[in-house]
Amino acid sequence: MSIRRLPPHLINRIAAGEVVERPAAALKELVENAIDAGASRIAVVLSNGGIDGIEVVDDGSGMSSGDIGLALERHATSKLPDEAIENVSTMGFRGEALPSIASVARLTIESRLSDGEGWSRTVDNGEFVRDGPAGLPPGTRVKVEGLFSRVPARAKFLRSPRSEYAVCVDVVKRLAMARPDIAFTLDHDGRRTLSVTAEEQAARVAALTDRALIDNSVAIDFVREGIRLGGVAGLPTFNRGVADHQYLFVNGRPVKDRLIIGAVRGAYAEMLARDRHAVVALFLDVPGSEVDVNVHPAKTEVRFRDPGVVRGLIVGGLRAALDAAGHRSQPGPSATSLGKWTSEPISNVEPGFGKGWAPQRPTDAGMISGAQAPTFFSNAPFARAEPASAPANAYPMGVARGQVAATYIVAEAEDGLVIVDQHAAHERLVLERMRKATVSGSVASQPLLLPEVVELEEPACDRLEARMTELAQLGLDLERFGPAAVLVRGVPAMLGTSDVRGLVIDLADELAAFGEVLSLKERLDSVAATMACHGSVRAGRILSVAEMNALLREMEITPRSGQCNHGRPTWIKLAHCDIDKLFGRK
């Protein structure tokens, strides 16, 4: 078959396959155009998940009739004032979006300049329909109707309206999060499902994720080598079962980048269980010369010139922010947990006694110590308390008043009752002690009695060989052993020698993904966490009040002590107001 030039309509259809594969993709392009037009308010209206209709209205700069015509031509844009494509600062610049959408749907653009008259143009599946005046306030209104209605081969790959709607909501949320200075509304089939006003970044993130994030997060503001990391990071105890609450932005653009996701996972390593995920909204500001935003037609992926610097910045910034949180944890039990507290039902029994608390014959085991008690127990309660002289307001986590079930420390604080899981808390304290010890110098190496040969693919061996000096500083002594193997002569002492091959293979894989020796440090942390678990105070051990208070004081000065090595909270607080509610005082 001879080479031929494709007709413009077919070219637009091909371009549509790159950037308009579903309603959410078209919606993303339209909202980004509204943002780039300088809008302060953007309204989105969807019909049937966006399949039947998409409408985006903004109060931005608007367009003249001539600009509307140019906007529907391929590779025509107002977002590139010169040929420096790498310095684009707008949400996008591709000229295919509007003509591509118009080639697979009925597209109507209505726009008006602040000092001009409104104008409208309609294109139906690539065919010009009408052009004429329109009445509307300054700004732009774009309507997309019947997406893929005349392209059944594409329409059959669309999901259900409910699924398409969910993706559209995610698109609007990410763009609204990127621009907290813009008010957004979203209506679907006549019902308003999202409405946010211009606000601060942290408030916008909480409004679009979970209002409780405000009290369960730390602010991030970290700069290194000209790159700035901002945003909010949820406390490790405020986690999710899926990673759908991780929002990542590069120079104001929402992206889904494997490097950044891996860095977030690394930063929360040993603070979260493997099946739990952090809640974060990270905003990276990177010089244009250090990042390529043109690697994907929809601009959802980026490529960094120095990925190692970016990953190190994210891991370091997140850990510094979480360390600064100290012993913070999720502040108290959830409403669901509080709802599970029950009170004794009122019954016709002698005053002073509840159901199941009938007077018993006094016994030494059941008598309450101190003054004569009005009630006796048939069996001693499975808890104990000892006197403590320190006032409750002397320390942030209060003072120990007793131990319950040989597992939980009960402390009285100035503003409530603190309950500590002694095993989880001590597990974190032991881990942090071990990590502090490794910071003072190189990690001790344990020579192997018989060096072990680990066979790998040649590229993997090359990656390890290039990092041998740095790996040696971390206690891993490697030597190249032919083209497709390495010889392991020593391993970090704290790892032991149980799985040398697995360690080297995992390390080679992580170097392939991230190119950072930091992955080995994370590996050491993981093993240290396991060791800390076995070396910590176990549940079931009786502690004295002095031991309990010592644990509380150390928690107050230890980073990340609000969660154990698996991401579970080490303590919760039952505030006075919560206790009052349980007893019907409020």
Protein backbone atom coordinates (compact mmCIF):
# COMPACT_ATOMS: atom_id res chain seq x y z
CA MET A 1 0.00 0.00 0.00
CA SER A 2 1.43 3.38 -0.97
CA ILE A 3 1.90 6.19 1.58
CA ARG A 4 -0.83 8.82 1.58
CA ARG A 5 -1.74 11.91 3.58
CA LEU A 6 -4.63 11.39 5.93
CA PRO A 7 -7.64 13.74 5.74
CA PRO A 8 -7.98 16.25 8.62
CA HIS A 9 -11.09 14.56 10.00
CA LEU A 10 -9.30 11.22 10.33
CA ILE A 11 -6.27 12.94 11.86
CA ASN A 12 -8.54 14.41 14.52
CA ARG A 13 -10.05 10.99 15.20
CA ILE A 14 -6.55 9.54 15.71
CA ALA A 15 -5.62 12.41 18.03
CA ALA A 16 -8.84 11.80 19.95
CA GLY A 17 -7.64 8.28 20.62
CA GLU A 18 -4.63 9.76 22.41
CA VAL A 19 -6.30 12.33 24.63
CA VAL A 20 -10.05 11.56 24.69
CA GLU A 21 -10.44 7.91 25.55
CA ARG A 22 -13.35 8.49 27.97
CA PRO A 23 -15.55 11.32 29.33
CA ALA A 24 -13.14 12.08 32.17
CA ALA A 25 -10.34 12.75 29.67
CA ALA A 26 -12.44 15.30 27.79
CA LEU A 27 -13.51 16.86 31.09
CA LYS A 28 -9.89 17.18 32.20
CA GLU A 29 -8.94 19.08 29.03
CA LEU A 30 -11.88 21.46 29.38
CA VAL A 31 -11.29 22.23 33.07
CA GLU A 32 -7.57 22.77 32.43
CA ASN A 33 -8.46 25.26 29.69
CA ALA A 34 -10.70 27.09 32.16
CA ILE A 35 -7.88 27.23 34.73
CA ASP A 36 -5.45 28.57 32.13
CA ALA A 37 -8.02 31.23 31.17
CA GLY A 38 -7.63 32.74 34.67
CA ALA A 39 -11.00 31.63 36.02
CA SER A 40 -11.91 32.25 39.67
CA ARG A 41 -15.03 30.03 39.47
CA ILE A 42 -15.51 26.84 37.46
CA ALA A 43 -18.83 24.98 37.24
CA VAL A 44 -19.05 21.43 35.86
CA VAL A 45 -22.31 19.77 34.87
CA LEU A 46 -22.43 16.07 33.90
CA SER A 47 -25.19 13.96 32.42
CA ASN A 48 -25.20 10.16 32.68
CA GLY A 49 -21.63 10.00 33.96
CA GLY A 50 -20.46 12.42 31.25
CA ILE A 51 -21.40 10.01 28.45
CA ASP A 52 -24.46 12.01 27.39
CA GLY A 53 -23.26 15.45 28.34
CA ILE A 54 -20.38 17.49 29.78
CA GLU A 55 -20.59 21.22 30.41
CA VAL A 56 -17.83 23.42 31.81
CA VAL A 57 -18.52 27.09 32.59
CA ASP A 58 -15.86 29.54 33.75
CA ASP A 59 -15.51 33.27 34.40
CA GLY A 60 -12.09 33.49 32.78
CA SER A 61 -10.76 35.82 30.10
CA GLY A 62 -13.03 34.54 27.34
CA MET A 63 -12.42 34.44 23.57
CA SER A 64 -13.37 36.45 20.51
CA SER A 65 -15.14 34.86 17.55
CA GLY A 66 -11.82 34.59 15.72
CA ASP A 67 -10.15 32.88 18.70
CA ILE A 68 -12.99 30.36 18.92
CA GLY A 69 -12.35 29.39 15.31
CA LEU A 70 -8.61 29.02 15.92
CA ALA A 71 -9.22 26.98 19.07
CA LEU A 72 -10.95 24.35 16.94
CA GLU A 73 -7.94 24.00 14.64
CA ARG A 74 -5.21 21.46 15.33
CA HIS A 75 -1.99 22.71 16.96
CA ALA A 76 -3.39 26.19 17.63
CA THR A 77 -2.83 27.42 21.19
CA SER A 78 -2.51 30.52 23.33
CA LYS A 79 -0.29 28.77 25.84
CA LEU A 80 3.05 28.89 24.03
CA PRO A 81 4.20 32.47 23.42
CA ASP A 82 7.45 31.22 21.84
CA GLU A 83 9.13 27.96 20.81
CA ALA A 84 10.45 27.13 24.29
CA ILE A 85 8.18 24.12 24.71
CA GLU A 86 10.11 22.91 27.74
CA ASN A 87 9.23 26.08 29.70
CA VAL A 88 5.47 25.80 29.42
CA SER A 89 3.92 27.02 32.69
CA THR A 90 0.25 26.45 31.94
CA MET A 91 -1.74 23.28 32.63
CA GLY A 92 -1.14 22.22 29.04
CA PHE A 93 -0.53 23.39 25.54
CA ARG A 94 -1.58 20.58 23.19
CA GLY A 95 -3.73 21.90 20.34
CA GLU A 96 -5.46 18.58 19.66
CA ALA A 97 -7.93 18.56 22.58
CA LEU A 98 -10.84 20.69 21.29
CA PRO A 99 -10.76 19.54 17.63
CA SER A 100 -10.31 15.95 18.83
CA ILE A 101 -13.35 16.17 21.10
CA ALA A 102 -15.32 17.83 18.29
CA SER A 103 -14.47 14.91 15.99
CA VAL A 104 -16.18 12.34 18.24
CA ALA A 105 -19.02 14.38 19.82
CA ARG A 106 -21.20 17.44 19.36
CA LEU A 107 -19.16 20.38 20.71
CA THR A 108 -20.51 23.88 21.37
CA ILE A 109 -18.25 26.72 22.50
CA GLU A 110 -19.78 29.95 23.78
CA SER A 111 -17.46 32.70 24.93
CA ARG A 112 -17.33 36.42 25.61
CA LEU A 113 -14.54 38.87 26.33
CA SER A 114 -15.11 41.29 29.20
CA ASP A 115 -15.36 44.18 26.74
CA GLY A 116 -16.92 42.36 23.79
CA GLU A 117 -19.97 40.46 22.62
CA GLY A 118 -20.60 36.77 23.09
CA TRP A 119 -20.08 34.32 20.24
CA SER A 120 -20.95 30.65 19.71
CA ARG A 121 -19.76 27.90 17.39
CA THR A 122 -21.01 24.30 17.13
CA VAL A 123 -19.24 21.34 15.51
CA ASP A 124 -20.93 17.94 15.34
CA ASN A 125 -18.59 14.95 14.96
CA GLY A 126 -16.21 16.96 12.80
CA GLU A 127 -18.89 18.76 10.76
CA PHE A 128 -19.49 22.51 11.13
CA VAL A 129 -23.09 23.21 12.27
CA ARG A 130 -23.53 26.87 13.20
CA ASP A 131 -21.73 30.09 14.06
CA GLY A 132 -23.34 33.17 15.59
CA PRO A 133 -23.87 35.56 18.49
CA ALA A 134 -24.56 34.25 22.00
CA GLY A 135 -25.73 35.83 25.22
CA LEU A 136 -23.64 35.01 28.29
CA PRO A 137 -21.55 36.82 30.95
CA PRO A 138 -17.79 37.25 30.39
CA GLY A 139 -16.09 33.86 30.31
CA THR A 140 -16.56 30.60 28.43
CA ARG A 141 -19.11 27.79 28.32
CA VAL A 142 -18.22 24.52 26.58
CA LYS A 143 -20.78 21.77 26.00
CA VAL A 144 -19.95 18.23 24.87
CA GLU A 145 -22.93 16.03 23.94
CA GLY A 146 -23.16 12.42 22.84
CA LEU A 147 -19.50 11.47 23.23
CA PHE A 148 -18.71 8.55 20.86
CA SER A 149 -22.40 8.27 19.91
CA ARG A 150 -21.35 7.95 16.25
CA VAL A 151 -18.24 5.90 16.99
CA PRO A 152 -19.66 2.59 18.25
CA ALA A 153 -16.24 0.94 18.18
CA ARG A 154 -15.15 3.40 20.87
CA ALA A 155 -18.46 3.59 22.73
CA LYS A 156 -18.50 -0.12 23.51
CA PHE A 157 -15.32 0.26 25.56
CA LEU A 158 -16.92 2.79 27.91
CA ARG A 159 -17.82 1.52 31.36
CA SER A 160 -21.11 2.00 33.14
CA PRO A 161 -22.29 5.57 33.75
CA ARG A 162 -21.59 5.12 37.45
CA SER A 163 -17.99 4.08 36.78
CA GLU A 164 -17.41 6.90 34.29
CA TYR A 165 -18.88 9.37 36.77
CA ALA A 166 -16.49 8.17 39.50
CA VAL A 167 -13.51 8.85 37.24
CA CYS A 168 -14.87 12.30 36.37
CA VAL A 169 -15.21 13.15 40.07
CA ASP A 170 -11.60 12.10 40.66
CA VAL A 171 -10.45 14.37 37.81
CA VAL A 172 -12.31 17.38 39.22
CA LYS A 173 -11.05 16.70 42.75
CA ARG A 174 -7.42 16.57 41.64
CA LEU A 175 -7.68 19.76 39.62
CA ALA A 176 -9.55 21.51 42.45
CA MET A 177 -6.86 20.39 44.87
CA ALA A 178 -4.17 21.79 42.56
CA ARG A 179 -5.85 25.21 42.57
CA PRO A 180 -7.35 26.00 45.98
CA ASP A 181 -7.69 29.64 44.92
CA ILE A 182 -10.47 28.69 42.46
CA ALA A 183 -14.05 27.83 43.49
CA PHE A 184 -15.44 24.60 41.95
CA THR A 185 -18.89 23.06 41.71
CA LEU A 186 -19.91 19.73 40.19
CA ASP A 187 -23.48 18.73 39.34
CA HIS A 188 -24.49 15.29 38.09
CA ASP A 189 -27.94 14.58 36.69
CA GLY A 190 -29.40 17.58 38.50
CA ARG A 191 -27.76 16.91 41.87
CA ARG A 192 -24.85 18.90 43.28
CA THR A 193 -22.16 16.51 44.45
CA LEU A 194 -19.18 18.81 45.02
CA SER A 195 -18.86 22.45 46.04
CA VAL A 196 -15.75 24.19 47.35
CA THR A 197 -14.92 27.86 47.70
CA ALA A 198 -11.52 29.50 47.42
CA GLU A 199 -9.54 28.56 50.53
CA GLU A 200 -6.13 27.61 51.91
CA GLN A 201 -4.38 24.56 50.52
CA ALA A 202 -4.66 22.41 53.66
CA ALA A 203 -8.37 23.21 54.02
CA ARG A 204 -8.99 22.38 50.35
CA VAL A 205 -7.23 19.01 50.66
CA ALA A 206 -9.29 18.14 53.75
CA ALA A 207 -12.51 19.27 52.05
CA LEU A 208 -11.88 16.95 49.12
CA THR A 209 -10.64 13.94 51.09
CA ASP A 210 -11.69 13.74 54.73
CA ARG A 211 -12.45 16.60 57.14
CA ALA A 212 -10.76 14.60 59.89
CA LEU A 213 -7.47 15.02 58.02
CA ILE A 214 -7.11 18.51 59.51
CA ASP A 215 -6.55 17.03 62.97
CA ASN A 216 -4.63 14.00 61.75
CA SER A 217 -1.95 15.44 59.47
CA VAL A 218 1.27 17.43 59.41
CA ALA A 219 2.20 20.26 57.08
CA ILE A 220 5.15 19.82 54.72
CA ASP A 221 7.50 22.57 53.60
CA PHE A 222 10.87 21.20 52.50
CA VAL A 223 13.42 22.58 50.04
CA ARG A 224 16.48 20.89 48.60
CA GLU A 225 18.61 21.71 45.54
CA GLY A 226 16.11 24.20 44.18
CA ILE A 227 13.14 21.79 44.47
CA ARG A 228 10.34 22.53 46.92
CA LEU A 229 8.02 19.97 48.49
CA GLY A 230 4.81 21.22 50.09
CA GLY A 231 1.42 19.83 51.04
CA VAL A 232 -0.01 17.75 53.85
CA ALA A 233 0.74 14.23 55.04
CA GLY A 234 -1.60 12.15 57.14
CA LEU A 235 -0.32 10.64 60.36
CA PRO A 236 0.57 6.96 59.91
CA THR A 237 -2.36 6.02 62.14
CA PHE A 238 -4.71 7.88 59.77
CA ASN A 239 -4.44 5.43 56.88
CA ARG A 240 -6.55 3.74 54.21
CA GLY A 241 -6.97 0.25 52.88
CA VAL A 242 -6.35 1.44 49.30
CA ALA A 243 -4.07 4.11 47.83
CA ASP A 244 -6.88 6.23 46.37
CA HIS A 245 -6.16 9.10 48.77
CA GLN A 246 -2.65 9.85 47.53
CA TYR A 247 -2.64 13.03 45.45
CA LEU A 248 0.54 14.06 43.67
CA PHE A 249 1.23 17.31 41.83
CA VAL A 250 4.24 18.55 39.87
CA ASN A 251 4.32 22.27 39.10
CA GLY A 252 0.58 22.42 39.70
CA ARG A 253 -0.27 19.47 37.43
CA PRO A 254 -1.93 16.34 38.85
CA VAL A 255 0.25 13.36 37.95
CA LYS A 256 0.41 9.64 38.64
CA ASP A 257 4.10 8.88 38.82
CA ARG A 258 5.64 5.56 39.86
CA LEU A 259 8.73 7.25 41.28
CA ILE A 260 6.74 9.54 43.56
CA ILE A 261 4.39 6.76 44.69
CA GLY A 262 7.40 4.60 45.52
CA ALA A 263 8.97 7.46 47.47
CA VAL A 264 5.81 7.89 49.54
CA ARG A 265 5.81 4.18 50.28
CA GLY A 266 9.46 4.38 51.30
CA ALA A 267 8.89 7.37 53.57
CA TYR A 268 6.15 5.51 55.47
CA ALA A 269 8.13 2.25 55.56
CA GLU A 270 7.95 0.48 58.94
CA MET A 271 5.23 2.95 59.99
CA LEU A 272 2.43 1.23 58.05
CA ALA A 273 1.34 -2.34 57.60
CA ARG A 274 1.82 -3.68 54.06
CA ASP A 275 -1.92 -3.59 53.33
CA ARG A 276 -2.41 0.00 54.54
CA HIS A 277 -1.73 3.22 52.62
CA ALA A 278 -0.93 6.78 53.65
CA VAL A 279 -3.18 9.76 52.97
CA VAL A 280 -1.06 12.51 51.36
CA ALA A 281 -1.30 15.47 49.03
CA LEU A 282 2.18 16.41 47.81
CA PHE A 283 3.02 19.45 45.72
CA LEU A 284 6.42 19.48 43.99
CA ASP A 285 7.74 22.71 42.50
CA VAL A 286 10.54 21.77 40.10
CA PRO A 287 12.48 24.07 37.72
CA GLY A 288 11.30 23.55 34.13
CA SER A 289 14.77 22.42 33.08
CA GLU A 290 14.64 19.56 35.60
CA VAL A 291 11.38 17.94 34.51
CA ASP A 292 9.82 16.86 31.21
CA VAL A 293 6.02 17.16 31.19
CA ASN A 294 5.66 16.08 27.56
CA VAL A 295 6.08 12.33 27.96
CA HIS A 296 2.34 11.55 27.86
CA PRO A 297 -0.38 12.97 25.58
CA ALA A 298 -2.68 13.60 28.53
CA LYS A 299 0.14 15.12 30.63
CA THR A 300 -0.47 12.67 33.50
CA GLU A 301 3.15 11.48 33.65
CA VAL A 302 6.43 13.33 34.02
CA ARG A 303 10.12 12.49 33.72
CA PHE A 304 12.72 13.97 36.08
CA ARG A 305 16.25 14.73 35.00
CA ASP A 306 17.59 13.47 38.35
CA PRO A 307 15.08 11.00 39.83
CA GLY A 308 17.35 10.25 42.79
CA VAL A 309 17.25 13.83 44.03
CA VAL A 310 13.46 13.95 43.76
CA ARG A 311 12.96 10.66 45.57
CA GLY A 312 15.40 11.63 48.31
CA LEU A 313 13.61 14.96 48.72
CA ILE A 314 10.21 13.29 49.13
CA VAL A 315 11.43 10.63 51.55
CA GLY A 316 13.44 13.13 53.57
CA GLY A 317 10.72 15.78 53.60
CA LEU A 318 7.98 13.38 54.66
CA ARG A 319 10.08 11.76 57.38
CA ALA A 320 11.19 15.13 58.73
CA ALA A 321 7.57 16.27 58.95
CA LEU A 322 6.42 13.03 60.58
CA ASP A 323 9.36 13.12 63.01
CA ALA A 324 8.38 16.65 64.00
CA ALA A 325 4.94 15.32 64.92
CA GLY A 326 6.61 13.52 67.81
CA HIS A 327 4.26 11.26 69.73
CA ARG A 328 1.14 12.46 67.89
CA SER A 329 -1.39 9.83 66.96
CA GLN A 330 -4.98 9.79 65.87
CA PRO A 331 -6.28 11.90 68.78
CA GLY A 332 -9.17 9.79 69.91
CA PRO A 333 -11.55 6.96 69.15
CA SER A 334 -13.86 7.35 66.17
CA ALA A 335 -17.57 8.00 66.48
CA THR A 336 -18.14 4.36 65.53
CA SER A 337 -15.91 3.20 68.37
CA LEU A 338 -17.63 5.48 70.84
CA GLY A 339 -20.97 4.16 69.69
CA LYS A 340 -19.95 0.66 70.76
CA TRP A 341 -19.73 1.78 74.40
CA THR A 342 -22.83 0.64 76.23
CA SER A 343 -24.34 1.66 79.51
CA GLU A 344 -26.09 -0.65 81.91
CA PRO A 345 -29.86 -0.76 81.38
CA ILE A 346 -32.00 0.67 84.17
CA SER A 347 -33.58 -2.10 86.21
CA ASN A 348 -35.56 -2.40 89.42
CA VAL A 349 -32.73 -3.19 91.77
CA GLU A 350 -31.53 -1.69 94.98
CA PRO A 351 -30.09 1.81 94.43
CA GLY A 352 -26.35 1.78 93.90
CA PHE A 353 -26.34 -1.52 92.06
CA GLY A 354 -26.60 -2.21 88.36
CA LYS A 355 -27.47 -5.36 86.52
CA GLY A 356 -25.06 -8.13 87.46
CA TRP A 357 -23.72 -6.15 90.43
CA ALA A 358 -25.83 -7.65 93.23
CA PRO A 359 -24.29 -7.57 96.71
CA GLN A 360 -22.06 -10.51 97.49
CA ARG A 361 -20.73 -11.93 100.69
CA PRO A 362 -17.67 -9.93 101.68
CA THR A 363 -14.38 -11.68 100.97
CA ASP A 364 -10.80 -10.57 101.27
CA ALA A 365 -10.39 -10.75 97.50
CA GLY A 366 -13.54 -8.82 96.78
CA MET A 367 -13.34 -6.05 99.37
CA ILE A 368 -12.45 -2.62 98.07
CA SER A 369 -9.44 -1.21 99.88
CA GLY A 370 -9.62 1.99 101.88
CA ALA A 371 -12.76 3.21 103.60
CA GLN A 372 -15.71 0.94 104.03
CA ALA A 373 -17.06 0.20 100.56
CA PRO A 374 -20.77 -0.06 99.74
CA THR A 375 -20.26 -2.87 97.23
CA PHE A 376 -18.38 -6.14 97.10
CA PHE A 377 -17.27 -8.27 94.13
CA SER A 378 -17.45 -12.01 93.93
CA ASN A 379 -14.14 -11.96 92.04
CA ALA A 380 -11.37 -9.39 91.88
CA PRO A 381 -11.51 -7.27 88.69
CA PHE A 382 -8.89 -8.09 86.07
CA ALA A 383 -7.11 -4.76 86.43
CA ARG A 384 -5.09 -2.97 89.04
CA ALA A 385 -4.23 0.56 90.02
CA GLU A 386 -1.49 2.10 92.14
CA PRO A 387 -1.24 5.59 93.57
CA ALA A 388 0.73 8.18 91.61
CA SER A 389 1.77 11.44 93.19
CA ALA A 390 2.49 13.50 90.04
CA PRO A 391 -0.32 15.87 88.93
CA ALA A 392 -2.16 14.94 85.74
CA ASN A 393 -1.27 18.20 83.99
CA ALA A 394 2.48 17.80 84.48
CA TYR A 395 3.06 15.94 81.19
CA PRO A 396 1.50 15.85 77.69
CA MET A 397 0.55 12.19 78.01
CA GLY A 398 -0.39 12.47 81.66
CA VAL A 399 0.64 10.17 84.49
CA ALA A 400 0.02 6.47 84.86
CA ARG A 401 -2.86 5.48 87.10
CA GLY A 402 -2.87 1.75 86.42
CA GLN A 403 -2.75 -1.16 84.01
CA VAL A 404 -5.64 -3.07 82.46
CA ALA A 405 -5.46 -6.71 81.32
CA ALA A 406 -1.66 -6.56 81.69
CA THR A 407 -1.68 -4.93 78.25
CA TYR A 408 -2.96 -1.37 78.44
CA ILE A 409 -1.58 1.51 80.48
CA VAL A 410 -4.21 3.92 81.74
CA ALA A 411 -2.97 7.46 82.30
CA GLU A 412 -4.72 10.63 83.41
CA ALA A 413 -3.94 13.74 81.35
CA GLU A 414 -5.14 17.29 81.88
CA ASP A 415 -7.75 17.00 79.12
CA GLY A 416 -8.77 13.36 79.25
CA LEU A 417 -7.93 9.72 79.72
CA VAL A 418 -4.96 8.28 77.78
CA ILE A 419 -4.85 4.56 77.02
CA VAL A 420 -1.54 3.12 75.78
CA ASP A 421 -0.87 -0.24 74.15
CA GLN A 422 2.33 -1.10 76.01
CA HIS A 423 3.66 -3.58 73.45
CA ALA A 424 3.01 -1.36 70.43
CA ALA A 425 4.51 1.68 72.16
CA HIS A 426 7.66 -0.07 73.36
CA GLU A 427 8.11 -1.68 69.94
CA ARG A 428 8.39 1.80 68.40
CA LEU A 429 10.74 3.03 71.13
CA VAL A 430 13.11 0.09 70.64
CA LEU A 431 13.15 0.61 66.86
CA GLU A 432 13.99 4.32 67.20
CA ARG A 433 16.83 3.49 69.58
CA MET A 434 18.24 1.05 67.05
CA ARG A 435 17.95 3.54 64.20
CA LYS A 436 19.70 6.20 66.24
CA ALA A 437 22.57 3.82 66.90
CA THR A 438 23.06 3.18 63.17
CA VAL A 439 23.22 6.91 62.34
CA SER A 440 26.47 7.40 64.27
CA GLY A 441 28.56 5.59 61.64
CA SER A 442 28.72 2.83 59.06
CA VAL A 443 26.57 -0.20 59.69
CA ALA A 444 28.55 -3.08 61.15
CA SER A 445 29.18 -5.89 58.67
CA GLN A 446 29.10 -9.59 59.51
CA PRO A 447 31.47 -11.66 57.33
CA LEU A 448 30.03 -14.88 55.97
CA LEU A 449 31.85 -18.07 56.87
CA LEU A 450 31.31 -19.25 53.30
CA PRO A 451 30.75 -16.46 50.74
CA GLU A 452 27.49 -16.95 48.87
CA VAL A 453 27.10 -16.71 45.09
CA VAL A 454 23.91 -15.03 43.91
CA GLU A 455 23.02 -15.40 40.24
CA LEU A 456 21.29 -12.45 38.60
CA GLU A 457 20.72 -11.02 35.16
CA GLU A 458 23.73 -9.12 33.87
CA PRO A 459 22.05 -5.65 34.01
CA ALA A 460 21.16 -6.29 37.66
CA CYS A 461 24.79 -7.21 38.42
CA ASP A 462 25.92 -4.02 36.66
CA ARG A 463 23.64 -1.92 38.88
CA LEU A 464 24.94 -3.54 42.04
CA GLU A 465 28.57 -3.22 40.91
CA ALA A 466 28.13 0.50 40.30
CA ARG A 467 26.97 0.95 43.92
CA MET A 468 29.38 -1.41 45.70
CA THR A 469 31.24 1.35 47.57
CA GLU A 470 28.04 2.83 48.95
CA LEU A 471 26.64 -0.60 49.75
CA ALA A 472 29.81 -1.40 51.70
CA GLN A 473 29.14 1.61 53.93
CA LEU A 474 25.81 0.00 54.76
CA GLY A 475 27.44 -3.30 55.70
CA LEU A 476 26.89 -5.20 52.46
CA ASP A 477 30.20 -6.53 51.06
CA LEU A 478 29.75 -7.55 47.40
CA GLU A 479 32.13 -8.64 44.66
CA ARG A 480 31.45 -9.18 40.97
CA PHE A 481 31.59 -12.91 40.17
CA GLY A 482 31.42 -13.24 36.42
CA PRO A 483 28.96 -11.58 34.05
CA ALA A 484 25.77 -12.85 35.72
CA ALA A 485 26.53 -13.30 39.41
CA VAL A 486 27.78 -11.49 42.50
CA LEU A 487 29.68 -12.88 45.47
CA VAL A 488 28.40 -11.88 48.90
CA ARG A 489 31.23 -11.80 51.45
CA GLY A 490 29.46 -9.93 54.25
CA VAL A 491 26.01 -8.68 55.19
CA PRO A 492 24.75 -6.04 57.64
CA ALA A 493 25.13 -7.55 61.09
CA MET A 494 21.61 -6.63 62.11
CA LEU A 495 20.18 -8.55 59.15
CA GLY A 496 21.75 -11.86 59.97
CA THR A 497 22.47 -14.49 57.33
CA SER A 498 19.08 -16.14 56.96
CA ASP A 499 18.19 -14.82 53.49
CA VAL A 500 21.25 -13.41 51.78
CA ARG A 501 20.02 -14.26 48.29
CA GLY A 502 16.62 -12.64 48.86
CA LEU A 503 18.25 -9.46 50.16
CA VAL A 504 20.50 -9.09 47.11
CA ILE A 505 17.71 -9.84 44.63
CA ASP A 506 15.34 -7.35 46.27
CA LEU A 507 18.07 -4.74 46.37
CA ALA A 508 18.82 -5.19 42.66
CA ASP A 509 15.12 -4.80 41.86
CA GLU A 510 14.82 -1.64 43.96
CA LEU A 511 17.92 -0.13 42.34
CA ALA A 512 16.30 -0.79 38.96
CA ALA A 513 13.15 0.99 40.06
CA PHE A 514 14.65 3.93 41.93
CA GLY A 515 18.43 3.96 41.45
CA GLU A 516 18.87 4.85 45.12
CA VAL A 517 20.88 3.17 47.86
CA LEU A 518 18.24 4.51 50.21
CA SER A 519 16.27 1.38 49.45
CA LEU A 520 18.82 -0.65 51.43
CA LYS A 521 18.44 1.70 54.38
CA GLU A 522 14.72 1.13 54.18
CA ARG A 523 15.43 -2.59 54.10
CA LEU A 524 17.50 -2.23 57.29
CA ASP A 525 14.65 -0.31 58.88
CA SER A 526 12.25 -3.09 58.01
CA VAL A 527 14.47 -5.71 59.62
CA ALA A 528 15.08 -3.46 62.61
CA ALA A 529 11.33 -3.19 63.02
CA THR A 530 11.02 -6.95 63.20
CA MET A 531 13.85 -7.15 65.74
CA ALA A 532 12.25 -4.37 67.79
CA CYS A 533 8.99 -6.28 67.85
CA HIS A 534 10.69 -9.29 69.42
CA GLY A 535 12.69 -7.17 71.86
CA SER A 536 9.88 -5.04 73.19
CA VAL A 537 7.66 -5.34 76.22
CA ARG A 538 5.06 -7.96 75.42
CA ALA A 539 1.38 -7.79 76.16
CA GLY A 540 0.70 -9.68 79.38
CA ARG A 541 3.66 -8.34 81.31
CA ILE A 542 2.85 -6.65 84.61
CA LEU A 543 4.45 -3.20 84.88
CA SER A 544 4.95 -1.04 87.93
CA VAL A 545 3.71 2.54 87.94
CA ALA A 546 7.32 3.73 87.71
CA GLU A 547 7.83 1.60 84.57
CA MET A 548 4.61 2.87 83.05
CA ASN A 549 5.56 6.50 83.64
CA ALA A 550 9.03 5.91 82.23
CA LEU A 551 7.41 4.55 79.07
CA LEU A 552 5.11 7.57 78.80
CA ARG A 553 7.98 10.04 79.25
CA GLU A 554 10.06 8.35 76.56
CA MET A 555 7.10 8.36 74.17
CA GLU A 556 6.81 12.14 74.60
CA ILE A 557 10.33 12.72 73.30
CA THR A 558 10.56 9.97 70.66
CA PRO A 559 9.72 10.64 66.99
CA ARG A 560 6.84 8.64 65.49
CA SER A 561 5.90 7.16 68.85
CA GLY A 562 2.23 7.71 68.02
CA GLN A 563 2.21 4.56 65.93
CA CYS A 564 3.85 1.16 66.12
CA ASN A 565 6.08 -0.30 63.41
CA HIS A 566 3.00 -1.60 61.58
CA GLY A 567 1.07 1.67 61.49
CA ARG A 568 -1.36 0.98 64.32
CA PRO A 569 -1.86 3.65 66.98
CA THR A 570 0.13 3.19 70.18
CA TRP A 571 -2.23 5.35 72.22
CA ILE A 572 -5.64 6.96 72.11
CA LYS A 573 -7.20 9.68 74.21
CA LEU A 574 -10.73 9.67 75.54
CA ALA A 575 -11.35 13.38 76.01
CA HIS A 576 -13.37 14.66 78.94
CA CYS A 577 -16.16 15.67 76.56
CA ASP A 578 -16.29 12.11 75.18
CA ILE A 579 -16.56 10.70 78.70
CA ASP A 580 -19.30 13.20 79.50
CA LYS A 581 -21.24 12.05 76.42
CA LEU A 582 -20.97 8.42 77.49
CA PHE A 583 -22.57 9.32 80.81
CA GLY A 584 -25.21 11.57 79.27
CA ARG A 585 -23.79 14.75 80.78
CA LYS A 586 -23.79 16.48 77.36
